[in-house]
Amino acid sequence: MALKIRKAEYYYTLVDDQPGEAYKILNLLANIGVSLLAFTAVPVGPTRTQFSIFPDEISKLEAAAKKSGLQMDGPHPALLVQGDDELGALTDIHKKLSVANVNVYAASGVTDGVGSFGYVIYIRREQFDKALSVLGLH
């Protein structure tokens, strides 16, 4: 697979940090038919966790949140990168962003163990158009 970069939007919600919270949200989304591009869970204090949800279809997530009463903040812009897992696969992207003075304020990635990877890049809204332009996505 060649390197693929696309715009992605995510929503987040804060929950109490306790067993079963990820299951509740993921089960709700699956039952309503919300397909996910990515999902992260990060602690934001001693007792809270932030779930970032990257839906394949924004409208389905918005409908699911409204129907269930799930409080979501978003949409927020991000980049989803997918490609072949090889040494230095992300360096060119980060170099272009760095040279353009675009700040990556968070990122998360994973390999699939058989040669491919997925990577999410969080860029603040005020720099997002510049990031798209630098990466040739405009």
C-alpha atoms as a PDB file:
ATOM      1  CA  MET A   1       0.000   0.000   0.000  1.00  0.00           C
ATOM      2  CA  ALA A   2       1.369   3.408  -0.885  1.00  0.00           C
ATOM      3  CA  LEU A   3       1.313   6.110   1.769  1.00  0.00           C
ATOM      4  CA  LYS A   4      -2.224   7.487   2.064  1.00  0.00           C
ATOM      5  CA  ILE A   5      -3.042  10.680   3.968  1.00  0.00           C
ATOM      6  CA  ARG A   6      -6.601  11.863   4.427  1.00  0.00           C
ATOM      7  CA  LYS A   7      -8.554  14.380   6.426  1.00  0.00           C
ATOM      8  CA  ALA A   8     -10.426  12.897   9.332  1.00  0.00           C
ATOM      9  CA  GLU A   9     -12.701  14.440  11.887  1.00  0.00           C
ATOM     10  CA  TYR A  10     -13.139  13.297  15.424  1.00  0.00           C
ATOM     11  CA  TYR A  11     -15.330  13.930  18.416  1.00  0.00           C
ATOM     12  CA  TYR A  12     -14.394  13.394  22.004  1.00  0.00           C
ATOM     13  CA  THR A  13     -16.180  12.688  25.222  1.00  0.00           C
ATOM     14  CA  LEU A  14     -14.978  12.562  28.816  1.00  0.00           C
ATOM     15  CA  VAL A  15     -15.914   9.694  31.094  1.00  0.00           C
ATOM     16  CA  ASP A  16     -15.073   8.539  34.590  1.00  0.00           C
ATOM     17  CA  ASP A  17     -11.987   6.335  34.547  1.00  0.00           C
ATOM     18  CA  GLN A  18     -13.500   2.997  35.498  1.00  0.00           C
ATOM     19  CA  PRO A  19     -13.877  -0.483  34.030  1.00  0.00           C
ATOM     20  CA  GLY A  20     -16.391  -0.884  31.216  1.00  0.00           C
ATOM     21  CA  GLU A  21     -16.552   2.695  29.908  1.00  0.00           C
ATOM     22  CA  ALA A  22     -14.872   1.893  26.575  1.00  0.00           C
ATOM     23  CA  TYR A  23     -17.135  -1.145  26.192  1.00  0.00           C
ATOM     24  CA  LYS A  24     -20.264   0.970  26.752  1.00  0.00           C
ATOM     25  CA  ILE A  25     -19.317   3.507  24.093  1.00  0.00           C
ATOM     26  CA  LEU A  26     -17.980   1.005  21.543  1.00  0.00           C
ATOM     27  CA  ASN A  27     -21.014  -1.253  22.013  1.00  0.00           C
ATOM     28  CA  LEU A  28     -23.407   1.681  21.584  1.00  0.00           C
ATOM     29  CA  LEU A  29     -21.674   2.750  18.377  1.00  0.00           C
ATOM     30  CA  ALA A  30     -21.553  -0.791  16.988  1.00  0.00           C
ATOM     31  CA  ASN A  31     -25.251  -1.376  17.716  1.00  0.00           C
ATOM     32  CA  ILE A  32     -26.210   1.799  15.857  1.00  0.00           C
ATOM     33  CA  GLY A  33     -23.916   0.960  12.922  1.00  0.00           C
ATOM     34  CA  VAL A  34     -21.188   3.556  13.425  1.00  0.00           C
ATOM     35  CA  SER A  35     -18.029   2.334  11.720  1.00  0.00           C
ATOM     36  CA  LEU A  36     -14.809   3.761  13.170  1.00  0.00           C
ATOM     37  CA  LEU A  37     -11.597   4.816  11.451  1.00  0.00           C
ATOM     38  CA  ALA A  38      -9.842   5.182  14.808  1.00  0.00           C
ATOM     39  CA  PHE A  39     -10.517   5.322  18.539  1.00  0.00           C
ATOM     40  CA  THR A  40      -8.246   6.479  21.342  1.00  0.00           C
ATOM     41  CA  ALA A  41      -8.577   6.621  25.103  1.00  0.00           C
ATOM     42  CA  VAL A  42      -6.243   8.865  27.083  1.00  0.00           C
ATOM     43  CA  PRO A  43      -6.289   9.798  30.770  1.00  0.00           C
ATOM     44  CA  VAL A  44      -6.895  13.511  31.392  1.00  0.00           C
ATOM     45  CA  GLY A  45      -6.509  13.485  35.138  1.00  0.00           C
ATOM     46  CA  PRO A  46      -6.602  11.061  38.019  1.00  0.00           C
ATOM     47  CA  THR A  47     -10.259  10.086  37.522  1.00  0.00           C
ATOM     48  CA  ARG A  48     -11.218  11.027  33.933  1.00  0.00           C
ATOM     49  CA  THR A  49     -10.525   9.588  30.476  1.00  0.00           C
ATOM     50  CA  GLN A  50     -10.992  11.236  27.101  1.00  0.00           C
ATOM     51  CA  PHE A  51     -12.274   9.033  24.289  1.00  0.00           C
ATOM     52  CA  SER A  52     -11.587  10.375  20.802  1.00  0.00           C
ATOM     53  CA  ILE A  53     -13.853   8.819  18.210  1.00  0.00           C
ATOM     54  CA  PHE A  54     -13.079   8.987  14.483  1.00  0.00           C
ATOM     55  CA  PRO A  55     -16.243   7.893  12.658  1.00  0.00           C
ATOM     56  CA  ASP A  56     -16.290   6.807   9.047  1.00  0.00           C
ATOM     57  CA  GLU A  57     -19.545   8.764   8.706  1.00  0.00           C
ATOM     58  CA  ILE A  58     -19.940  11.872  10.878  1.00  0.00           C
ATOM     59  CA  SER A  59     -23.733  11.949  10.517  1.00  0.00           C
ATOM     60  CA  LYS A  60     -24.115   8.452  11.996  1.00  0.00           C
ATOM     61  CA  LEU A  61     -22.032   9.370  15.036  1.00  0.00           C
ATOM     62  CA  GLU A  62     -23.951  12.602  15.561  1.00  0.00           C
ATOM     63  CA  ALA A  63     -27.263  10.725  15.357  1.00  0.00           C
ATOM     64  CA  ALA A  64     -26.010   8.041  17.770  1.00  0.00           C
ATOM     65  CA  ALA A  65     -24.829  10.647  20.280  1.00  0.00           C
ATOM     66  CA  LYS A  66     -28.107  12.550  20.090  1.00  0.00           C
ATOM     67  CA  LYS A  67     -30.210   9.404  20.425  1.00  0.00           C
ATOM     68  CA  SER A  68     -28.232   8.094  23.394  1.00  0.00           C
ATOM     69  CA  GLY A  69     -27.598  11.403  25.150  1.00  0.00           C
ATOM     70  CA  LEU A  70     -23.836  10.956  24.820  1.00  0.00           C
ATOM     71  CA  GLN A  71     -22.178  14.363  25.189  1.00  0.00           C
ATOM     72  CA  MET A  72     -19.657  14.830  22.363  1.00  0.00           C
ATOM     73  CA  ASP A  73     -17.371  17.758  21.551  1.00  0.00           C
ATOM     74  CA  GLY A  74     -16.510  18.213  17.884  1.00  0.00           C
ATOM     75  CA  PRO A  75     -15.955  17.814  15.104  1.00  0.00           C
ATOM     76  CA  HIS A  76     -12.234  18.513  15.317  1.00  0.00           C
ATOM     77  CA  PRO A  77      -9.791  18.108  12.414  1.00  0.00           C
ATOM     78  CA  ALA A  78      -7.030  15.511  12.232  1.00  0.00           C
ATOM     79  CA  LEU A  79      -5.072  13.591   9.646  1.00  0.00           C
ATOM     80  CA  LEU A  80      -5.241   9.836   9.184  1.00  0.00           C
ATOM     81  CA  VAL A  81      -2.134   8.298   7.645  1.00  0.00           C
ATOM     82  CA  GLN A  82      -2.003   4.693   6.433  1.00  0.00           C
ATOM     83  CA  GLY A  83       0.793   2.913   4.645  1.00  0.00           C
ATOM     84  CA  ASP A  84       3.478   0.286   4.529  1.00  0.00           C
ATOM     85  CA  ASP A  85       5.366  -0.130   7.769  1.00  0.00           C
ATOM     86  CA  GLU A  86       8.942   0.679   6.886  1.00  0.00           C
ATOM     87  CA  LEU A  87      11.741   2.442   8.671  1.00  0.00           C
ATOM     88  CA  GLY A  88      11.239   6.218   8.486  1.00  0.00           C
ATOM     89  CA  ALA A  89       7.740   6.023   7.000  1.00  0.00           C
ATOM     90  CA  LEU A  90       6.592   9.118   8.909  1.00  0.00           C
ATOM     91  CA  THR A  91       9.705  11.270   8.693  1.00  0.00           C
ATOM     92  CA  ASP A  92       8.805  13.028   5.431  1.00  0.00           C
ATOM     93  CA  ILE A  93       5.388  14.044   6.765  1.00  0.00           C
ATOM     94  CA  HIS A  94       6.852  15.435   9.972  1.00  0.00           C
ATOM     95  CA  LYS A  95       9.659  17.168   8.099  1.00  0.00           C
ATOM     96  CA  LYS A  96       7.196  18.981   5.816  1.00  0.00           C
ATOM     97  CA  LEU A  97       5.082  20.063   8.772  1.00  0.00           C
ATOM     98  CA  SER A  98       8.118  21.171  10.751  1.00  0.00           C
ATOM     99  CA  VAL A  99       9.601  23.213   7.898  1.00  0.00           C
ATOM    100  CA  ALA A 100       6.211  24.930   7.494  1.00  0.00           C
ATOM    101  CA  ASN A 101       6.128  25.605  11.256  1.00  0.00           C
ATOM    102  CA  VAL A 102       2.963  23.524  11.708  1.00  0.00           C
ATOM    103  CA  ASN A 103       2.757  22.093  15.208  1.00  0.00           C
ATOM    104  CA  VAL A 104       1.736  18.481  15.753  1.00  0.00           C
ATOM    105  CA  TYR A 105       0.289  18.653  19.249  1.00  0.00           C
ATOM    106  CA  ALA A 106      -0.501  14.942  19.519  1.00  0.00           C
ATOM    107  CA  ALA A 107      -0.160  11.761  17.494  1.00  0.00           C
ATOM    108  CA  SER A 108      -0.888   8.083  17.862  1.00  0.00           C
ATOM    109  CA  GLY A 109       0.050   5.141  15.682  1.00  0.00           C
ATOM    110  CA  VAL A 110       0.102   1.387  15.483  1.00  0.00           C
ATOM    111  CA  THR A 111       1.339  -1.292  13.109  1.00  0.00           C
ATOM    112  CA  ASP A 112      -0.790  -4.249  12.162  1.00  0.00           C
ATOM    113  CA  GLY A 113       2.103  -6.668  12.638  1.00  0.00           C
ATOM    114  CA  VAL A 114       2.112  -7.797   9.016  1.00  0.00           C
ATOM    115  CA  GLY A 115       3.529  -4.768   7.222  1.00  0.00           C
ATOM    116  CA  SER A 116       1.072  -1.852   7.423  1.00  0.00           C
ATOM    117  CA  PHE A 117       0.439   0.960   9.882  1.00  0.00           C
ATOM    118  CA  GLY A 118      -2.148   3.554  10.850  1.00  0.00           C
ATOM    119  CA  TYR A 119      -1.277   6.914  12.347  1.00  0.00           C
ATOM    120  CA  VAL A 120      -3.398   9.822  13.566  1.00  0.00           C
ATOM    121  CA  ILE A 121      -1.959  13.347  13.598  1.00  0.00           C
ATOM    122  CA  TYR A 122      -3.688  16.014  15.674  1.00  0.00           C
ATOM    123  CA  ILE A 123      -3.190  19.563  14.371  1.00  0.00           C
ATOM    124  CA  ARG A 124      -4.952  22.597  15.775  1.00  0.00           C
ATOM    125  CA  ARG A 125      -7.765  24.005  13.671  1.00  0.00           C
ATOM    126  CA  GLU A 126      -5.954  27.319  13.038  1.00  0.00           C
ATOM    127  CA  GLN A 127      -3.047  25.457  11.389  1.00  0.00           C
ATOM    128  CA  PHE A 128      -5.013  22.695   9.691  1.00  0.00           C
ATOM    129  CA  ASP A 129      -5.405  24.323   6.264  1.00  0.00           C
ATOM    130  CA  LYS A 130      -1.688  25.078   6.211  1.00  0.00           C
ATOM    131  CA  ALA A 131      -0.944  21.424   7.044  1.00  0.00           C
ATOM    132  CA  LEU A 132      -3.220  20.251   4.233  1.00  0.00           C
ATOM    133  CA  SER A 133      -1.486  22.567   1.776  1.00  0.00           C
ATOM    134  CA  VAL A 134       2.018  21.529   2.848  1.00  0.00           C
ATOM    135  CA  LEU A 135       1.088  17.852   2.449  1.00  0.00           C
ATOM    136  CA  GLY A 136      -0.547  18.440  -0.949  1.00  0.00           C
ATOM    137  CA  LEU A 137      -4.077  17.683   0.248  1.00  0.00           C
ATOM    138  CA  HIS A 138      -5.784  20.938  -0.739  1.00  0.00           C
END
